[in-house]
Amino acid sequence: LATLVYGLRTRLPICRSIIRESLPVIVIAGSVSLIAGVVVQSGLAPFLEYPALLILVPPLLALVGSLASILTARISSKLHLGLIVPTRFSLRPAAADIVLVFALATPIFAVLGVSTDLVAAATGLASPGVVAVVVVALLSGLLATMIAVGLAYFIATAAFRLGADPDNYGIPVVTAFSDVLGAVVLILVISSLGLT
């Protein structure tokens, strides 16, 4: 609270601007992130049968948000440099960045699946098996990342087009929505694989 008051009252105009732009976005993003918990709670049945899948939830959501944040930051930089024109929809200038995100995502989600099953085995929690957990982690992570990539591009370019700094808006909004998307996609993947 003291930092917030200081930031709003400081004589540093850039600091005041960042605080004014970021505060509403962070409050809204925090509220949206709460929805992810509601989504997971509404689809709790498979997590009760296989608690190993519950271990998967926090790191999966965090990784999707982190990957989307990386892309948002890179798109934001390209917008500032004029390499991406916000009035024209084209993923071509961001293609290398998108490929990079998926090149990072694939092994990360596979390792997440294996490590989740190892932690479940070490703690005596029921698991549908290492192959099933890896498939759930890979499919959920890659599908949620795919949606988050589109969202990252849209949020960054929309903020820039509206005259706002995409660095102040993009990452909080994208990570918040990535939490919700990740939770929904995870439950859908678990259901479609018949693990309920």
Foldseek 3Di string as FASTA:
>chain_A
DVVLVCQCPPPPVVSNQLSVLQVVLLVVLVVLLVVLVVLCVVLVVLCVVFVLVVVLQPVLLVLLLVLLLQLLVVLLVCVVVVLDDLVDDDCVSVVVSLVVSVVVQQVVLQVSLQVSVVVCVVVVTHHPDSVVSSVLSRQLNVVLSVVLNVVSNNQSSVCVVVVHRSNSNRSSNSSSVSSNSSSNSSSVSCVVVPSD
